[in-house]
Amino acid sequence: MGKQSKRKNKRRGGKQHRPTGLVDDPTASAPSGTAEGNSPASKIIQKIRHGDPRVRHASLVALSRTLYDCNALENAAAASSPKNSGGEKTNKISAQANNPSLLRALSEKILDTDIPCATTAVGCLLNYVSFYCGNEGAIDLSRVDGEDDVASDVMVPILLQRLQSSLGTIRSLGNTMMQDRSSKKESKKGSSSDNAADKQWLTIKEQWVLLSLSLSTLAALIENCPKAHERCGTNAFPQLLSVFDLATSSIKIWTADSFLPRKEMEPIFDAVTNASRGFHSLLDDNSSLITSLPVVGVAAAASTNAPPSLTVAVSELTNVITNSTMPTMTKLHASGSILSLRKVLVLESELVDATAEEEALAVALQSCTNDVIVPLF
């Protein structure tokens, strides 16, 4: 009985969660004897989908240092350029970084329950979007079958799901840590409580690093992939605003009583800077998105999925700009977002028969521009 139960547990342990609602991957069900099943990409996919997180992590680390290394991606982008005489030639022996099935499998790993695996996977995709899609010599994604679809239909939804998951986890862990700190002050325990607090912070820090990389990847997709930019729209708007609120409160809490030095909070500053950059890129010259957002939120919203109002967005951005602890780059992108909103809602809008809320929003934007942004720079 003991041996049989062990075998059953072993079989169960090999099954991995795969995000639902995504386009099926042809290599996932391809027989091993077929061309698809024996291709270089399919062999890599099998490893990064392995049941053992150690195998997955080792495979992902290897990819990050070879196929998805920034220098390798720049060279691959240059080689694939139509301007390159040999741009149409591809190496059939080795896997290609822009293989749609491989990109899909990497995207799935962003939601891996093993955080080091998820972090390495999103790092590979960040390099791909930044150094391959963002390379001036690279081929246009819209002319590559399946590649642009993966970016918009797979990467974007998974990244947004990861943002939501990480934000919830950080809030939960942060609340637990603060409760433990309060209990420690009351009981005045010794070094054992300090060690527990250090471990808790390391777990939270790990989540902030993953959140920061996910935000940077989303920002790069918005900037480099037009179809992904369209897919983000109002879907990314609430997630990015939530990062501002969480980062501001976290910085305030962790700096209280000199609990953490600024150097330890670098992942938080990186995350809020990447969120600010993504927000700026999302709003820049995007009048259709800006005009589609509600001016004010409903007091008792029937749906929690409703996008935040423009009034809330302006308030959050103003708080970021005026927060002395925020990095300069964060403030710069937040200022760019304010100016993008002002351009559409004030300069290009004729406030004829405007409601009181619309007039108040225009005043808030103009005030932030005149009293905050201009004096700041």
Protein backbone atom coordinates (compact mmCIF):
# COMPACT_ATOMS: atom_id res chain seq x y z
CA MET A 1 0.00 0.00 0.00
CA GLY A 2 2.80 2.38 0.92
CA LYS A 3 4.55 1.99 -2.45
CA GLN A 4 1.29 2.42 -4.38
CA SER A 5 0.40 5.64 -2.54
CA LYS A 6 3.88 7.03 -3.18
CA ARG A 7 3.51 6.33 -6.92
CA LYS A 8 0.11 8.05 -6.97
CA ASN A 9 1.51 11.12 -5.20
CA LYS A 10 4.42 11.18 -7.63
CA ARG A 11 2.05 11.23 -10.60
CA ARG A 12 -0.05 13.99 -9.04
CA GLY A 13 3.03 16.10 -8.29
CA GLY A 14 3.93 16.29 -11.98
CA LYS A 15 0.78 18.19 -12.94
CA GLN A 16 1.15 21.97 -13.24
CA HIS A 17 -1.53 24.64 -13.30
CA ARG A 18 -2.00 26.25 -16.70
CA PRO A 19 -3.88 29.53 -17.05
CA THR A 20 -7.34 29.12 -18.54
CA GLY A 21 -8.83 31.15 -21.36
CA LEU A 22 -5.64 31.23 -23.45
CA VAL A 23 -5.10 30.15 -27.04
CA ASP A 24 -4.01 26.51 -27.17
CA ASP A 25 -0.35 25.78 -27.77
CA PRO A 26 0.09 23.30 -30.67
CA THR A 27 3.31 21.92 -29.19
CA ALA A 28 1.67 21.10 -25.86
CA SER A 29 -0.25 18.14 -27.31
CA ALA A 30 2.12 17.29 -30.17
CA PRO A 31 3.24 13.63 -30.18
CA SER A 32 6.91 13.14 -29.43
CA GLY A 33 7.55 11.55 -32.81
CA THR A 34 6.26 14.49 -34.84
CA ALA A 35 8.29 17.41 -36.17
CA GLU A 36 6.62 19.78 -33.71
CA GLY A 37 7.25 17.43 -30.80
CA ASN A 38 10.95 17.05 -31.68
CA SER A 39 11.66 20.71 -32.50
CA PRO A 40 14.26 22.59 -30.42
CA ALA A 41 11.54 24.87 -29.04
CA SER A 42 9.34 21.97 -27.90
CA LYS A 43 12.24 20.41 -25.96
CA ILE A 44 12.79 23.70 -24.13
CA ILE A 45 9.05 24.03 -23.48
CA GLN A 46 8.93 20.57 -21.92
CA LYS A 47 11.68 21.57 -19.49
CA ILE A 48 10.14 24.87 -18.43
CA ARG A 49 6.81 23.06 -17.90
CA HIS A 50 8.47 20.30 -15.87
CA GLY A 51 6.82 19.25 -12.61
CA ASP A 52 9.94 19.87 -10.54
CA PRO A 53 10.46 23.61 -9.82
CA ARG A 54 14.24 23.05 -9.68
CA VAL A 55 14.23 21.80 -13.28
CA ARG A 56 11.98 24.65 -14.38
CA HIS A 57 14.16 27.24 -12.67
CA ALA A 58 17.41 25.82 -14.09
CA SER A 59 15.91 25.81 -17.61
CA LEU A 60 14.64 29.37 -17.27
CA VAL A 61 17.99 30.61 -15.94
CA ALA A 62 19.72 28.93 -18.90
CA LEU A 63 17.33 30.69 -21.30
CA SER A 64 17.96 34.06 -19.64
CA ARG A 65 21.70 33.66 -20.23
CA THR A 66 21.53 32.32 -23.79
CA LEU A 67 18.51 32.74 -26.06
CA TYR A 68 16.98 35.61 -24.05
CA ASP A 69 20.20 37.36 -23.12
CA CYS A 70 20.01 41.05 -24.09
CA ASN A 71 23.02 40.87 -26.45
CA ALA A 72 21.75 37.71 -28.13
CA LEU A 73 18.34 39.31 -28.65
CA GLU A 74 19.83 42.47 -30.15
CA ASN A 75 21.84 40.35 -32.60
CA ALA A 76 18.76 38.25 -33.45
CA ALA A 77 16.70 41.41 -34.05
CA ALA A 78 19.37 42.84 -36.33
CA ALA A 79 19.63 39.55 -38.25
CA SER A 80 15.85 39.39 -38.74
CA SER A 81 15.65 42.93 -40.12
CA PRO A 82 14.47 43.21 -43.76
CA LYS A 83 17.35 45.66 -44.25
CA ASN A 84 19.74 42.82 -43.56
CA SER A 85 20.52 40.87 -46.71
CA GLY A 86 20.38 37.65 -44.76
CA GLY A 87 17.34 38.64 -42.77
CA GLU A 88 15.12 35.95 -44.28
CA LYS A 89 17.47 33.14 -43.27
CA THR A 90 16.72 31.37 -39.99
CA ASN A 91 18.63 28.69 -38.17
CA LYS A 92 16.45 25.57 -38.18
CA ILE A 93 18.73 23.74 -35.76
CA SER A 94 18.34 26.08 -32.78
CA ALA A 95 15.19 27.57 -31.25
CA GLN A 96 14.23 31.14 -32.14
CA ALA A 97 13.49 33.74 -29.45
CA ASN A 98 10.36 34.88 -31.29
CA ASN A 99 8.86 31.37 -31.49
CA PRO A 100 5.17 31.90 -30.55
CA SER A 101 4.89 28.57 -28.69
CA LEU A 102 8.00 29.31 -26.64
CA LEU A 103 6.77 32.84 -25.86
CA ARG A 104 3.41 31.40 -24.80
CA ALA A 105 5.07 28.87 -22.48
CA LEU A 106 7.27 31.58 -20.96
CA SER A 107 4.21 33.76 -20.41
CA GLU A 108 2.46 30.94 -18.54
CA LYS A 109 5.42 30.70 -16.16
CA ILE A 110 4.82 34.28 -15.02
CA LEU A 111 2.06 32.75 -12.88
CA ASP A 112 4.27 29.96 -11.57
CA THR A 113 3.68 29.27 -7.87
CA ASP A 114 7.46 29.14 -7.43
CA ILE A 115 8.44 32.83 -7.22
CA PRO A 116 12.06 32.39 -8.47
CA CYS A 117 10.67 30.61 -11.58
CA ALA A 118 8.10 33.35 -12.18
CA THR A 119 10.73 36.07 -11.70
CA THR A 120 13.15 34.46 -14.16
CA ALA A 121 10.40 33.90 -16.74
CA VAL A 122 9.25 37.52 -16.64
CA GLY A 123 12.91 38.60 -16.84
CA CYS A 124 13.29 36.63 -20.09
CA LEU A 125 10.17 38.26 -21.54
CA LEU A 126 11.29 41.71 -20.40
CA ASN A 127 14.55 41.26 -22.31
CA TYR A 128 12.64 39.98 -25.35
CA VAL A 129 10.20 42.91 -25.45
CA SER A 130 12.92 45.48 -24.73
CA PHE A 131 15.82 44.25 -26.86
CA TYR A 132 14.05 42.36 -29.65
CA CYS A 133 10.66 44.04 -30.11
CA GLY A 134 12.11 47.41 -29.12
CA ASN A 135 15.11 47.16 -31.45
CA GLU A 136 14.87 49.63 -34.34
CA GLY A 137 16.25 47.05 -36.73
CA ALA A 138 13.81 44.31 -35.75
CA ILE A 139 11.07 43.15 -38.07
CA ASP A 140 7.60 44.56 -37.51
CA LEU A 141 5.67 42.34 -35.10
CA SER A 142 2.45 42.86 -37.02
CA ARG A 143 4.00 40.99 -39.96
CA VAL A 144 4.97 37.91 -37.92
CA ASP A 145 2.26 35.26 -37.73
CA GLY A 146 1.33 34.49 -34.14
CA GLU A 147 4.01 36.63 -32.49
CA ASP A 148 1.97 39.79 -32.07
CA ASP A 149 -1.04 37.70 -31.01
CA VAL A 150 1.00 36.14 -28.21
CA ALA A 151 2.06 39.60 -27.03
CA SER A 152 -1.50 40.97 -26.92
CA ASP A 153 -3.65 37.90 -26.26
CA VAL A 154 -1.37 35.97 -23.90
CA MET A 155 1.31 38.18 -22.34
CA VAL A 156 -0.92 41.15 -21.45
CA PRO A 157 -3.71 39.19 -19.66
CA ILE A 158 -1.19 37.08 -17.75
CA LEU A 159 0.85 40.13 -16.72
CA LEU A 160 -2.30 41.86 -15.47
CA GLN A 161 -3.22 38.71 -13.55
CA ARG A 162 0.27 38.64 -12.03
CA LEU A 163 -0.01 42.31 -11.01
CA GLN A 164 -3.31 41.64 -9.28
CA SER A 165 -1.95 38.54 -7.54
CA SER A 166 1.27 40.22 -6.37
CA LEU A 167 -0.54 43.33 -5.13
CA GLY A 168 -2.89 41.17 -3.07
CA THR A 169 -0.04 39.07 -1.68
CA ILE A 170 2.04 42.12 -0.72
CA ARG A 171 -0.94 43.68 1.08
CA SER A 172 -1.65 40.46 2.95
CA LEU A 173 1.97 39.87 3.95
CA GLY A 174 2.43 43.50 4.91
CA ASN A 175 -0.62 43.44 7.20
CA THR A 176 0.64 40.24 8.85
CA MET A 177 4.08 41.75 9.37
CA MET A 178 2.65 44.92 10.91
CA GLN A 179 0.48 42.89 13.30
CA ASP A 180 3.54 40.88 14.33
CA ARG A 181 5.48 44.11 14.91
CA SER A 182 2.71 45.44 17.15
CA SER A 183 2.63 42.18 19.11
CA LYS A 184 6.41 42.30 19.47
CA LYS A 185 6.30 45.84 20.93
CA GLU A 186 3.69 44.77 23.47
CA SER A 187 5.46 41.55 24.50
CA LYS A 188 9.00 42.96 24.09
CA LYS A 189 10.38 39.71 22.69
CA GLY A 190 14.03 39.26 21.75
CA SER A 191 16.00 38.27 18.67
CA SER A 192 13.68 35.42 17.64
CA SER A 193 11.02 37.97 16.68
CA ASP A 194 13.64 40.00 14.77
CA ASN A 195 14.60 36.92 12.74
CA ALA A 196 10.95 36.24 11.95
CA ALA A 197 10.51 39.86 10.81
CA ASP A 198 13.59 39.59 8.57
CA LYS A 199 12.19 36.46 6.92
CA GLN A 200 8.83 38.13 6.40
CA TRP A 201 10.45 41.15 4.77
CA LEU A 202 12.52 38.92 2.45
CA THR A 203 9.28 37.27 1.28
CA ILE A 204 7.65 40.67 0.71
CA LYS A 205 10.77 41.96 -1.04
CA GLU A 206 10.72 38.94 -3.37
CA GLN A 207 7.15 39.84 -4.36
CA TRP A 208 8.10 43.50 -4.98
CA VAL A 209 10.94 42.39 -7.28
CA LEU A 210 8.52 40.21 -9.27
CA LEU A 211 5.97 43.04 -9.37
CA SER A 212 8.61 45.51 -10.58
CA LEU A 213 9.75 43.24 -13.42
CA SER A 214 6.13 42.57 -14.43
CA LEU A 215 5.41 46.30 -14.54
CA SER A 216 8.53 46.96 -16.60
CA THR A 217 7.52 44.23 -19.07
CA LEU A 218 3.99 45.64 -19.34
CA ALA A 219 5.39 49.15 -19.94
CA ALA A 220 7.71 47.81 -22.66
CA LEU A 221 4.77 46.01 -24.32
CA ILE A 222 2.72 49.22 -24.29
CA GLU A 223 5.62 51.11 -25.89
CA ASN A 224 6.71 48.52 -28.48
CA CYS A 225 3.63 46.47 -29.43
CA PRO A 226 0.65 48.47 -30.79
CA LYS A 227 -1.74 45.52 -30.47
CA ALA A 228 -0.71 44.98 -26.85
CA HIS A 229 -1.20 48.71 -26.23
CA GLU A 230 -4.77 48.43 -27.48
CA ARG A 231 -5.37 45.34 -25.34
CA CYS A 232 -4.21 47.09 -22.16
CA GLY A 233 -6.55 50.10 -22.33
CA THR A 234 -8.79 50.37 -19.27
CA ASN A 235 -7.68 46.89 -18.12
CA ALA A 236 -4.25 48.14 -17.00
CA PHE A 237 -5.49 51.49 -15.69
CA PRO A 238 -6.72 50.28 -12.25
CA GLN A 239 -3.73 47.98 -11.68
CA LEU A 240 -1.21 50.75 -12.29
CA LEU A 241 -3.05 53.17 -10.01
CA SER A 242 -3.13 50.50 -7.28
CA VAL A 243 0.67 50.31 -7.37
CA PHE A 244 0.92 54.05 -6.60
CA ASP A 245 -1.33 53.69 -3.57
CA LEU A 246 0.38 50.54 -2.23
CA ALA A 247 3.91 51.89 -2.78
CA THR A 248 3.11 55.18 -1.04
CA SER A 249 1.62 53.47 2.01
CA SER A 250 4.40 50.84 2.12
CA ILE A 251 7.18 53.44 2.01
CA LYS A 252 5.48 55.40 4.79
CA ILE A 253 5.14 52.29 6.96
CA TRP A 254 8.61 50.84 6.41
CA THR A 255 10.41 54.15 6.95
CA ALA A 256 8.60 54.75 10.25
CA ASP A 257 10.91 54.34 13.27
CA SER A 258 13.76 53.67 10.78
CA PHE A 259 12.47 50.12 10.39
CA LEU A 260 14.10 49.69 6.98
CA PRO A 261 16.95 51.62 5.32
CA ARG A 262 16.18 53.17 1.92
CA LYS A 263 18.52 50.72 0.18
CA GLU A 264 16.32 47.81 1.31
CA MET A 265 13.29 49.45 -0.28
CA GLU A 266 14.82 49.73 -3.77
CA PRO A 267 12.40 47.11 -5.22
CA ILE A 268 9.47 49.29 -4.07
CA PHE A 269 10.96 52.39 -5.71
CA ASP A 270 11.69 50.40 -8.89
CA ALA A 271 8.11 49.11 -8.98
CA VAL A 272 6.49 52.53 -8.56
CA THR A 273 8.84 53.99 -11.21
CA ASN A 274 7.89 51.24 -13.68
CA ALA A 275 4.19 51.76 -12.87
CA SER A 276 4.58 55.49 -13.49
CA ARG A 277 6.34 54.80 -16.78
CA GLY A 278 3.62 52.37 -17.89
CA PHE A 279 0.89 54.83 -16.93
CA HIS A 280 2.61 57.62 -18.87
CA SER A 281 3.04 55.41 -21.97
CA LEU A 282 -0.58 54.26 -21.73
CA LEU A 283 -1.97 57.82 -21.66
CA ASP A 284 0.47 59.49 -24.07
CA ASP A 285 -1.46 60.69 -27.15
CA ASN A 286 -4.26 58.25 -26.26
CA SER A 287 -7.29 60.53 -26.38
CA SER A 288 -9.68 57.61 -27.04
CA LEU A 289 -8.75 56.00 -23.71
CA ILE A 290 -8.75 59.25 -21.73
CA THR A 291 -12.17 60.33 -23.00
CA SER A 292 -13.63 56.88 -22.30
CA LEU A 293 -12.82 57.06 -18.57
CA PRO A 294 -15.42 58.38 -16.11
CA VAL A 295 -14.75 61.83 -14.65
CA VAL A 296 -15.89 60.81 -11.17
CA GLY A 297 -16.52 57.41 -9.64
CA VAL A 298 -19.90 56.20 -8.47
CA ALA A 299 -20.21 56.41 -4.69
CA ALA A 300 -21.48 52.86 -4.37
CA ALA A 301 -20.06 51.14 -7.42
CA ALA A 302 -22.03 48.10 -8.49
CA SER A 303 -18.87 46.49 -9.89
CA THR A 304 -15.43 46.50 -8.32
CA ASN A 305 -13.98 45.95 -11.80
CA ALA A 306 -15.06 49.41 -12.95
CA PRO A 307 -12.09 51.58 -13.97
CA PRO A 308 -11.08 54.32 -11.50
CA SER A 309 -12.25 57.82 -12.31
CA LEU A 310 -10.06 60.52 -13.81
CA THR A 311 -10.47 62.52 -10.60
CA VAL A 312 -8.95 59.65 -8.60
CA ALA A 313 -6.13 59.32 -11.14
CA VAL A 314 -5.24 63.02 -10.96
CA SER A 315 -5.29 62.88 -7.16
CA GLU A 316 -2.96 59.83 -7.09
CA LEU A 317 -0.57 61.36 -9.63
CA THR A 318 -0.44 64.67 -7.73
CA ASN A 319 0.37 62.78 -4.51
CA VAL A 320 3.20 60.95 -6.28
CA ILE A 321 4.68 64.17 -7.68
CA THR A 322 4.56 65.98 -4.32
CA ASN A 323 5.91 63.01 -2.32
CA SER A 324 9.51 63.87 -1.40
CA THR A 325 10.49 60.19 -1.00
CA MET A 326 9.58 59.24 -4.56
CA PRO A 327 12.40 58.85 -7.13
CA THR A 328 12.86 61.66 -9.66
CA MET A 329 12.06 59.38 -12.61
CA THR A 330 8.77 58.38 -10.96
CA LYS A 331 7.82 62.04 -10.61
CA LEU A 332 8.87 62.76 -14.19
CA HIS A 333 6.58 60.07 -15.64
CA ALA A 334 3.74 61.09 -13.30
CA SER A 335 4.13 64.67 -14.55
CA GLY A 336 4.01 63.40 -18.13
CA SER A 337 0.73 61.62 -17.33
CA ILE A 338 -0.75 64.83 -15.90
CA LEU A 339 0.27 66.76 -19.02
CA SER A 340 -1.24 64.05 -21.28
CA LEU A 341 -4.53 64.32 -19.38
CA ARG A 342 -4.40 68.12 -19.48
CA LYS A 343 -3.76 68.14 -23.22
CA VAL A 344 -6.91 66.12 -23.95
CA LEU A 345 -9.24 67.32 -21.19
CA VAL A 346 -8.29 71.01 -21.03
CA LEU A 347 -6.35 72.23 -24.07
CA GLU A 348 -8.18 70.19 -26.73
CA SER A 349 -11.57 70.20 -25.04
CA GLU A 350 -14.15 72.94 -25.35
CA LEU A 351 -15.65 73.12 -21.88
CA VAL A 352 -19.02 74.25 -23.18
CA ASP A 353 -21.96 73.05 -21.09
CA ALA A 354 -19.45 71.22 -18.89
CA THR A 355 -20.68 69.66 -15.69
CA ALA A 356 -19.41 70.81 -12.31
CA GLU A 357 -17.30 67.64 -12.04
CA GLU A 358 -15.67 68.27 -15.44
CA GLU A 359 -14.88 71.86 -14.51
CA ALA A 360 -13.42 70.74 -11.17
CA LEU A 361 -11.24 68.18 -12.96
CA ALA A 362 -9.98 70.82 -15.41
CA VAL A 363 -9.14 73.13 -12.50
CA ALA A 364 -7.30 70.31 -10.70
CA LEU A 365 -5.24 69.50 -13.81
CA GLN A 366 -4.40 73.15 -14.44
CA SER A 367 -3.53 73.69 -10.79
CA CYS A 368 -1.26 70.65 -10.69
CA THR A 369 0.48 71.86 -13.85
CA ASN A 370 0.98 75.44 -12.68
CA ASP A 371 1.56 74.95 -8.96
CA VAL A 372 3.37 71.60 -8.87
CA ILE A 373 4.94 70.51 -12.16
CA VAL A 374 6.22 73.83 -13.49
CA PRO A 375 7.78 74.97 -10.15
CA LEU A 376 9.22 71.46 -9.67
CA PHE A 377 11.21 71.66 -12.90
